[in-house]
Amino acid sequence: MKPKIRKSIVTQIGILTNDINRSKEAWERFFGLPPQPVSTSDGYEKTAAVYDGQPLHGRIYQVCFNLQNIEVELIQPVDDTPSYWKDCLDQNGPGVHHFSFAVKDMDGCVKQLGELGLTLRQQGEFPNGRYAYMDGMDTMNVVLELLEKDQEVIE
């Protein structure tokens, strides 16, 4: 059976920013939310992240707004360490970076999207799951993020 991306489930919109605090405050006002915490991603020792085939030591500041139907993630690279986030921010400026899709069979989905001409640019682990960024910038004008969680909670 060929793996499928669950097209109907977009779980997240990722937005790159040069100023995480300014962006988060604007989104907090928009959503009418109290101040949300800014977190810093784990380092390579925990994520085992890879960027263009090399260990990824770049880290990000991030804020997530969990809405009823989707999560909005704000992302700012911590420094100038090479990463897909930094490259996209340098090349395209702040704005929408990715749409995330919930998947099962990460390896099968990466292969399937590779057959469609998308390139795996970055992947890594996070608590209870993993992600992969597939480059769709040339054809789709956005990055597709595949998210596979070890335990999917459906409410």
N, C-alpha and C. Protein backbone atom coordinates (compact mmCIF):
# COMPACT_ATOMS: atom_id res chain seq x y z
N MET A 1 0.83 -1.18 0.00
CA MET A 1 0.00 0.00 0.00
C MET A 1 0.88 1.25 0.00
N LYS A 2 0.61 2.16 -0.88
CA LYS A 2 1.38 3.39 -0.98
C LYS A 2 0.96 4.35 0.12
N PRO A 3 1.93 4.97 0.83
CA PRO A 3 1.56 5.91 1.89
C PRO A 3 0.86 7.13 1.31
N LYS A 4 0.00 7.72 2.10
CA LYS A 4 -0.72 8.91 1.67
C LYS A 4 -0.59 10.00 2.72
N ILE A 5 -0.48 11.21 2.25
CA ILE A 5 -0.56 12.34 3.16
C ILE A 5 -2.04 12.57 3.40
N ARG A 6 -2.39 12.73 4.64
CA ARG A 6 -3.79 12.94 4.97
C ARG A 6 -4.16 14.37 4.58
N LYS A 7 -4.55 14.55 3.33
CA LYS A 7 -4.78 15.87 2.74
C LYS A 7 -5.74 16.73 3.54
N SER A 8 -6.69 16.10 4.20
CA SER A 8 -7.70 16.89 4.89
C SER A 8 -7.21 17.43 6.24
N ILE A 9 -6.06 17.01 6.68
CA ILE A 9 -5.60 17.43 8.00
C ILE A 9 -4.33 18.27 7.88
N VAL A 10 -4.51 19.57 7.80
CA VAL A 10 -3.39 20.50 7.91
C VAL A 10 -3.33 20.84 9.39
N THR A 11 -2.23 20.53 10.04
CA THR A 11 -2.15 20.68 11.48
C THR A 11 -1.51 21.99 11.93
N GLN A 12 -0.75 22.62 11.03
CA GLN A 12 0.00 23.80 11.46
C GLN A 12 0.37 24.68 10.27
N ILE A 13 0.44 25.97 10.55
CA ILE A 13 1.02 26.93 9.61
C ILE A 13 2.22 27.53 10.32
N GLY A 14 3.40 27.42 9.71
CA GLY A 14 4.62 27.96 10.28
C GLY A 14 4.97 29.29 9.63
N ILE A 15 5.33 30.27 10.45
CA ILE A 15 5.64 31.61 9.96
C ILE A 15 7.02 32.00 10.46
N LEU A 16 7.90 32.37 9.52
CA LEU A 16 9.23 32.85 9.88
C LEU A 16 9.18 34.33 10.20
N THR A 17 9.99 34.74 11.18
CA THR A 17 10.04 36.13 11.58
C THR A 17 11.47 36.52 11.94
N ASN A 18 11.77 37.80 11.82
CA ASN A 18 13.06 38.33 12.26
C ASN A 18 13.01 38.79 13.71
N ASP A 19 11.79 38.93 14.26
CA ASP A 19 11.62 39.46 15.61
C ASP A 19 10.47 38.70 16.28
N ILE A 20 10.80 37.63 16.96
CA ILE A 20 9.79 36.75 17.55
C ILE A 20 8.91 37.48 18.55
N ASN A 21 9.48 38.38 19.34
CA ASN A 21 8.68 39.06 20.35
C ASN A 21 7.68 40.03 19.73
N ARG A 22 8.10 40.77 18.73
CA ARG A 22 7.20 41.69 18.04
C ARG A 22 6.07 40.91 17.36
N SER A 23 6.41 39.82 16.68
CA SER A 23 5.41 39.01 15.99
C SER A 23 4.43 38.36 16.97
N LYS A 24 4.96 37.81 18.05
CA LYS A 24 4.08 37.13 19.00
C LYS A 24 3.12 38.11 19.64
N GLU A 25 3.58 39.31 19.94
CA GLU A 25 2.70 40.31 20.54
C GLU A 25 1.57 40.70 19.58
N ALA A 26 1.89 40.80 18.29
CA ALA A 26 0.86 41.13 17.30
C ALA A 26 -0.17 40.00 17.21
N TRP A 27 0.30 38.74 17.20
CA TRP A 27 -0.62 37.60 17.13
C TRP A 27 -1.42 37.47 18.41
N GLU A 28 -0.81 37.75 19.56
CA GLU A 28 -1.55 37.71 20.83
C GLU A 28 -2.70 38.71 20.81
N ARG A 29 -2.42 39.93 20.32
CA ARG A 29 -3.48 40.94 20.21
C ARG A 29 -4.57 40.45 19.25
N PHE A 30 -4.16 39.91 18.11
CA PHE A 30 -5.11 39.44 17.10
C PHE A 30 -6.02 38.36 17.67
N PHE A 31 -5.44 37.39 18.37
CA PHE A 31 -6.22 36.28 18.93
C PHE A 31 -6.86 36.63 20.28
N GLY A 32 -6.49 37.77 20.88
CA GLY A 32 -7.01 38.14 22.18
C GLY A 32 -6.50 37.24 23.28
N LEU A 33 -5.24 36.85 23.18
CA LEU A 33 -4.63 35.93 24.13
C LEU A 33 -3.67 36.65 25.07
N PRO A 34 -3.48 36.11 26.28
CA PRO A 34 -2.45 36.66 27.17
C PRO A 34 -1.07 36.32 26.60
N PRO A 35 -0.03 36.91 27.17
CA PRO A 35 1.33 36.63 26.67
C PRO A 35 1.63 35.12 26.68
N GLN A 36 2.15 34.66 25.55
CA GLN A 36 2.53 33.26 25.38
C GLN A 36 4.04 33.12 25.56
N PRO A 37 4.50 32.00 26.09
CA PRO A 37 5.95 31.83 26.28
C PRO A 37 6.68 31.58 24.96
N VAL A 38 7.89 32.12 24.88
CA VAL A 38 8.80 31.81 23.78
C VAL A 38 9.68 30.68 24.25
N SER A 39 9.78 29.63 23.46
CA SER A 39 10.67 28.52 23.82
C SER A 39 11.82 28.46 22.83
N THR A 40 12.85 27.75 23.21
CA THR A 40 14.01 27.54 22.35
C THR A 40 14.09 26.05 22.06
N SER A 41 14.27 25.72 20.78
CA SER A 41 14.34 24.31 20.39
C SER A 41 15.54 23.62 21.02
N ASP A 42 15.44 22.32 21.13
CA ASP A 42 16.54 21.52 21.64
C ASP A 42 17.68 21.50 20.63
N GLY A 43 18.86 21.16 21.10
CA GLY A 43 20.03 21.05 20.24
C GLY A 43 20.14 19.69 19.58
N TYR A 44 21.15 19.53 18.78
CA TYR A 44 21.37 18.31 17.99
C TYR A 44 21.39 17.05 18.85
N GLU A 45 21.90 17.15 20.08
CA GLU A 45 22.00 15.98 20.94
C GLU A 45 20.64 15.33 21.18
N LYS A 46 19.58 16.15 21.20
CA LYS A 46 18.23 15.62 21.42
C LYS A 46 17.44 15.44 20.14
N THR A 47 17.68 16.30 19.16
CA THR A 47 16.85 16.25 17.94
C THR A 47 17.40 15.34 16.86
N ALA A 48 18.71 15.10 16.88
CA ALA A 48 19.37 14.34 15.81
C ALA A 48 18.97 14.90 14.45
N ALA A 49 18.74 16.20 14.41
CA ALA A 49 18.26 16.85 13.18
C ALA A 49 19.36 16.89 12.12
N VAL A 50 18.91 16.81 10.87
CA VAL A 50 19.81 16.82 9.73
C VAL A 50 19.32 17.87 8.74
N TYR A 51 20.25 18.67 8.24
CA TYR A 51 19.94 19.70 7.24
C TYR A 51 20.80 19.45 6.02
N ASP A 52 20.18 19.18 4.89
CA ASP A 52 20.89 18.85 3.65
C ASP A 52 21.96 17.79 3.87
N GLY A 53 21.60 16.77 4.65
CA GLY A 53 22.47 15.62 4.87
C GLY A 53 23.53 15.79 5.94
N GLN A 54 23.58 16.96 6.58
CA GLN A 54 24.59 17.22 7.61
C GLN A 54 23.91 17.46 8.97
N PRO A 55 24.62 17.14 10.08
CA PRO A 55 24.04 17.41 11.39
C PRO A 55 23.63 18.89 11.51
N LEU A 56 22.43 19.11 12.04
CA LEU A 56 21.90 20.47 12.19
C LEU A 56 22.13 20.96 13.62
N HIS A 57 22.93 21.99 13.74
CA HIS A 57 23.20 22.58 15.06
C HIS A 57 22.45 23.88 15.25
N GLY A 58 21.75 24.35 14.22
CA GLY A 58 20.94 25.56 14.34
C GLY A 58 19.75 25.31 15.24
N ARG A 59 19.38 26.34 15.97
CA ARG A 59 18.23 26.26 16.87
C ARG A 59 17.29 27.42 16.57
N ILE A 60 16.08 27.30 17.06
CA ILE A 60 15.10 28.36 16.83
C ILE A 60 14.41 28.78 18.13
N TYR A 61 13.93 30.02 18.11
CA TYR A 61 12.95 30.48 19.09
C TYR A 61 11.60 30.18 18.45
N GLN A 62 10.65 29.75 19.24
CA GLN A 62 9.34 29.47 18.69
C GLN A 62 8.24 29.76 19.69
N VAL A 63 7.09 30.11 19.14
CA VAL A 63 5.87 30.31 19.91
C VAL A 63 4.76 29.61 19.13
N CYS A 64 3.95 28.84 19.83
CA CYS A 64 2.84 28.15 19.18
C CYS A 64 1.52 28.62 19.77
N PHE A 65 0.60 28.95 18.88
CA PHE A 65 -0.76 29.31 19.26
C PHE A 65 -1.65 28.15 18.85
N ASN A 66 -2.17 27.43 19.82
CA ASN A 66 -3.02 26.27 19.55
C ASN A 66 -4.47 26.72 19.49
N LEU A 67 -5.00 26.77 18.28
CA LEU A 67 -6.37 27.18 18.06
C LEU A 67 -7.26 25.94 17.98
N GLN A 68 -8.54 26.12 17.80
CA GLN A 68 -9.44 24.97 17.76
C GLN A 68 -9.13 24.02 16.60
N ASN A 69 -8.74 24.57 15.47
CA ASN A 69 -8.60 23.73 14.28
C ASN A 69 -7.20 23.66 13.71
N ILE A 70 -6.27 24.46 14.24
CA ILE A 70 -4.92 24.50 13.67
C ILE A 70 -3.98 25.18 14.66
N GLU A 71 -2.71 24.92 14.48
CA GLU A 71 -1.69 25.58 15.28
C GLU A 71 -0.94 26.58 14.40
N VAL A 72 -0.71 27.77 14.93
CA VAL A 72 0.12 28.76 14.25
C VAL A 72 1.44 28.80 15.00
N GLU A 73 2.53 28.53 14.28
CA GLU A 73 3.87 28.49 14.88
C GLU A 73 4.69 29.66 14.34
N LEU A 74 5.24 30.46 15.24
CA LEU A 74 6.17 31.52 14.87
C LEU A 74 7.58 31.00 15.10
N ILE A 75 8.47 31.28 14.15
CA ILE A 75 9.83 30.73 14.17
C ILE A 75 10.84 31.83 13.89
N GLN A 76 11.88 31.90 14.72
CA GLN A 76 13.01 32.80 14.46
C GLN A 76 14.30 32.03 14.73
N PRO A 77 15.21 31.96 13.76
CA PRO A 77 16.50 31.33 14.04
C PRO A 77 17.20 32.05 15.20
N VAL A 78 17.85 31.29 16.07
CA VAL A 78 18.54 31.86 17.23
C VAL A 78 19.75 32.68 16.78
N ASP A 79 20.45 32.20 15.76
CA ASP A 79 21.66 32.89 15.29
C ASP A 79 21.88 32.58 13.81
N ASP A 80 23.08 32.79 13.33
CA ASP A 80 23.38 32.59 11.90
C ASP A 80 23.83 31.17 11.55
N THR A 81 23.70 30.23 12.49
CA THR A 81 24.05 28.84 12.19
C THR A 81 23.21 28.34 11.03
N PRO A 82 23.82 27.67 10.05
CA PRO A 82 23.04 27.19 8.90
C PRO A 82 21.88 26.29 9.30
N SER A 83 20.73 26.56 8.71
CA SER A 83 19.52 25.75 8.89
C SER A 83 18.59 26.09 7.74
N TYR A 84 17.60 25.26 7.54
CA TYR A 84 16.61 25.54 6.50
C TYR A 84 15.81 26.79 6.86
N TRP A 85 15.54 26.97 8.16
CA TRP A 85 14.83 28.17 8.60
C TRP A 85 15.61 29.42 8.21
N LYS A 86 16.92 29.43 8.51
CA LYS A 86 17.76 30.59 8.22
C LYS A 86 17.83 30.83 6.71
N ASP A 87 18.02 29.77 5.94
CA ASP A 87 18.08 29.93 4.48
C ASP A 87 16.80 30.52 3.92
N CYS A 88 15.66 30.00 4.36
CA CYS A 88 14.38 30.50 3.86
C CYS A 88 14.14 31.95 4.28
N LEU A 89 14.51 32.29 5.49
CA LEU A 89 14.36 33.67 5.96
C LEU A 89 15.25 34.60 5.15
N ASP A 90 16.49 34.19 4.89
CA ASP A 90 17.41 35.01 4.10
C ASP A 90 16.94 35.16 2.65
N GLN A 91 16.42 34.09 2.07
CA GLN A 91 16.02 34.11 0.66
C GLN A 91 14.66 34.76 0.43
N ASN A 92 13.72 34.54 1.34
CA ASN A 92 12.34 34.97 1.09
C ASN A 92 11.83 36.02 2.07
N GLY A 93 12.58 36.28 3.12
CA GLY A 93 12.13 37.23 4.13
C GLY A 93 11.10 36.61 5.06
N PRO A 94 10.60 37.40 5.99
CA PRO A 94 9.58 36.91 6.92
C PRO A 94 8.29 36.56 6.20
N GLY A 95 7.56 35.63 6.75
CA GLY A 95 6.26 35.24 6.19
C GLY A 95 6.02 33.76 6.33
N VAL A 96 5.00 33.28 5.62
CA VAL A 96 4.63 31.87 5.71
C VAL A 96 5.80 31.01 5.24
N HIS A 97 6.15 30.04 6.04
CA HIS A 97 7.24 29.12 5.75
C HIS A 97 6.70 27.76 5.34
N HIS A 98 5.79 27.22 6.15
CA HIS A 98 5.33 25.86 5.85
C HIS A 98 3.89 25.62 6.26
N PHE A 99 3.33 24.60 5.60
CA PHE A 99 2.08 23.98 6.02
C PHE A 99 2.46 22.59 6.50
N SER A 100 1.95 22.20 7.67
CA SER A 100 2.24 20.88 8.22
C SER A 100 1.08 19.93 8.01
N PHE A 101 1.43 18.70 7.65
CA PHE A 101 0.44 17.65 7.47
C PHE A 101 0.74 16.50 8.43
N ALA A 102 -0.31 16.01 9.08
CA ALA A 102 -0.17 14.84 9.94
C ALA A 102 -0.01 13.61 9.04
N VAL A 103 1.01 12.82 9.30
CA VAL A 103 1.26 11.64 8.49
C VAL A 103 1.53 10.43 9.36
N LYS A 104 1.37 9.28 8.75
CA LYS A 104 1.85 8.02 9.31
C LYS A 104 2.82 7.49 8.27
N ASP A 105 3.81 6.74 8.68
CA ASP A 105 4.82 6.22 7.77
C ASP A 105 5.64 7.35 7.16
N MET A 106 6.38 8.04 8.02
CA MET A 106 7.18 9.18 7.60
C MET A 106 8.08 8.84 6.42
N ASP A 107 8.83 7.73 6.51
CA ASP A 107 9.75 7.37 5.44
C ASP A 107 9.02 7.17 4.11
N GLY A 108 7.87 6.52 4.16
CA GLY A 108 7.09 6.30 2.94
C GLY A 108 6.59 7.61 2.35
N CYS A 109 6.17 8.54 3.20
CA CYS A 109 5.67 9.84 2.72
C CYS A 109 6.80 10.67 2.13
N VAL A 110 7.98 10.65 2.77
CA VAL A 110 9.13 11.38 2.23
C VAL A 110 9.48 10.83 0.85
N LYS A 111 9.46 9.51 0.73
CA LYS A 111 9.76 8.89 -0.57
C LYS A 111 8.72 9.28 -1.61
N GLN A 112 7.45 9.23 -1.22
CA GLN A 112 6.36 9.58 -2.13
C GLN A 112 6.50 11.02 -2.63
N LEU A 113 6.77 11.94 -1.73
CA LEU A 113 6.92 13.34 -2.14
C LEU A 113 8.19 13.54 -2.97
N GLY A 114 9.22 12.75 -2.69
CA GLY A 114 10.43 12.78 -3.51
C GLY A 114 10.12 12.38 -4.94
N GLU A 115 9.26 11.40 -5.10
CA GLU A 115 8.85 10.96 -6.44
C GLU A 115 8.05 12.04 -7.17
N LEU A 116 7.46 12.97 -6.40
CA LEU A 116 6.72 14.08 -6.99
C LEU A 116 7.61 15.30 -7.24
N GLY A 117 8.91 15.15 -6.95
CA GLY A 117 9.87 16.21 -7.23
C GLY A 117 10.22 17.11 -6.06
N LEU A 118 9.70 16.83 -4.87
CA LEU A 118 10.05 17.62 -3.70
C LEU A 118 11.30 17.03 -3.05
N THR A 119 12.14 17.90 -2.53
CA THR A 119 13.41 17.49 -1.94
C THR A 119 13.35 17.57 -0.42
N LEU A 120 13.80 16.52 0.25
CA LEU A 120 13.93 16.54 1.70
C LEU A 120 15.07 17.47 2.06
N ARG A 121 14.78 18.52 2.82
CA ARG A 121 15.81 19.49 3.17
C ARG A 121 16.26 19.38 4.62
N GLN A 122 15.30 19.10 5.51
CA GLN A 122 15.65 19.05 6.93
C GLN A 122 14.70 18.10 7.62
N GLN A 123 15.22 17.37 8.61
CA GLN A 123 14.38 16.47 9.39
C GLN A 123 14.97 16.31 10.77
N GLY A 124 14.11 15.95 11.71
CA GLY A 124 14.59 15.77 13.07
C GLY A 124 13.51 15.19 13.96
N GLU A 125 13.88 15.02 15.22
CA GLU A 125 13.01 14.45 16.24
C GLU A 125 12.59 15.54 17.21
N PHE A 126 11.44 15.35 17.82
CA PHE A 126 10.99 16.19 18.93
C PHE A 126 10.30 15.24 19.90
N PRO A 127 10.02 15.68 21.12
CA PRO A 127 9.39 14.75 22.06
C PRO A 127 8.13 14.12 21.46
N ASN A 128 8.11 12.81 21.39
CA ASN A 128 6.97 12.03 20.91
C ASN A 128 6.70 12.15 19.41
N GLY A 129 7.73 12.46 18.63
CA GLY A 129 7.50 12.51 17.20
C GLY A 129 8.69 12.95 16.39
N ARG A 130 8.41 13.24 15.12
CA ARG A 130 9.46 13.64 14.18
C ARG A 130 8.86 14.54 13.11
N TYR A 131 9.74 15.28 12.44
CA TYR A 131 9.30 16.16 11.36
C TYR A 131 10.22 16.03 10.17
N ALA A 132 9.73 16.43 9.01
CA ALA A 132 10.55 16.49 7.80
C ALA A 132 10.06 17.68 6.97
N TYR A 133 10.99 18.52 6.53
CA TYR A 133 10.66 19.63 5.65
C TYR A 133 10.95 19.21 4.22
N MET A 134 9.94 19.27 3.38
CA MET A 134 10.06 18.96 1.96
C MET A 134 9.98 20.28 1.19
N ASP A 135 10.98 20.54 0.36
CA ASP A 135 11.08 21.81 -0.35
C ASP A 135 10.13 21.85 -1.54
N GLY A 136 9.12 22.68 -1.43
CA GLY A 136 8.17 22.90 -2.52
C GLY A 136 8.22 24.34 -3.00
N MET A 137 9.29 25.06 -2.65
CA MET A 137 9.36 26.49 -2.96
C MET A 137 9.32 26.78 -4.46
N ASP A 138 10.01 26.00 -5.27
CA ASP A 138 10.06 26.27 -6.71
C ASP A 138 8.72 26.04 -7.40
N THR A 139 7.95 25.09 -6.93
CA THR A 139 6.72 24.74 -7.64
C THR A 139 5.45 25.12 -6.87
N MET A 140 5.49 25.03 -5.55
CA MET A 140 4.29 25.27 -4.74
C MET A 140 4.38 26.55 -3.92
N ASN A 141 5.56 27.18 -3.93
CA ASN A 141 5.81 28.43 -3.21
C ASN A 141 5.68 28.31 -1.69
N VAL A 142 5.90 27.12 -1.18
CA VAL A 142 5.84 26.89 0.26
C VAL A 142 6.56 25.58 0.57
N VAL A 143 6.99 25.46 1.80
CA VAL A 143 7.58 24.23 2.30
C VAL A 143 6.44 23.36 2.84
N LEU A 144 6.52 22.06 2.62
CA LEU A 144 5.57 21.13 3.22
C LEU A 144 6.28 20.44 4.38
N GLU A 145 5.68 20.50 5.54
CA GLU A 145 6.24 19.81 6.70
C GLU A 145 5.40 18.59 6.97
N LEU A 146 6.07 17.47 7.12
CA LEU A 146 5.40 16.23 7.52
C LEU A 146 5.62 16.07 9.01
N LEU A 147 4.55 15.84 9.75
CA LEU A 147 4.63 15.63 11.20
C LEU A 147 4.08 14.25 11.52
N GLU A 148 4.90 13.46 12.18
CA GLU A 148 4.46 12.14 12.61
C GLU A 148 4.61 12.08 14.12
N LYS A 149 3.50 11.86 14.79
CA LYS A 149 3.51 11.78 16.24
C LYS A 149 3.36 10.34 16.66
N ASP A 150 4.07 9.97 17.74
CA ASP A 150 4.03 8.60 18.22
C ASP A 150 2.63 8.22 18.71
N GLN A 151 1.94 9.18 19.32
CA GLN A 151 0.56 8.94 19.76
C GLN A 151 -0.25 10.14 19.32
N GLU A 152 -1.16 9.92 18.41
CA GLU A 152 -2.02 10.98 17.91
C GLU A 152 -3.22 11.11 18.84
N VAL A 153 -3.44 12.31 19.36
CA VAL A 153 -4.59 12.56 20.21
C VAL A 153 -5.65 13.24 19.35
N ILE A 154 -6.78 12.60 19.21
CA ILE A 154 -7.87 13.17 18.42
C ILE A 154 -9.02 13.45 19.38
N GLU A 155 -9.44 14.71 19.39
CA GLU A 155 -10.52 15.11 20.30
C GLU A 155 -11.82 15.19 19.57
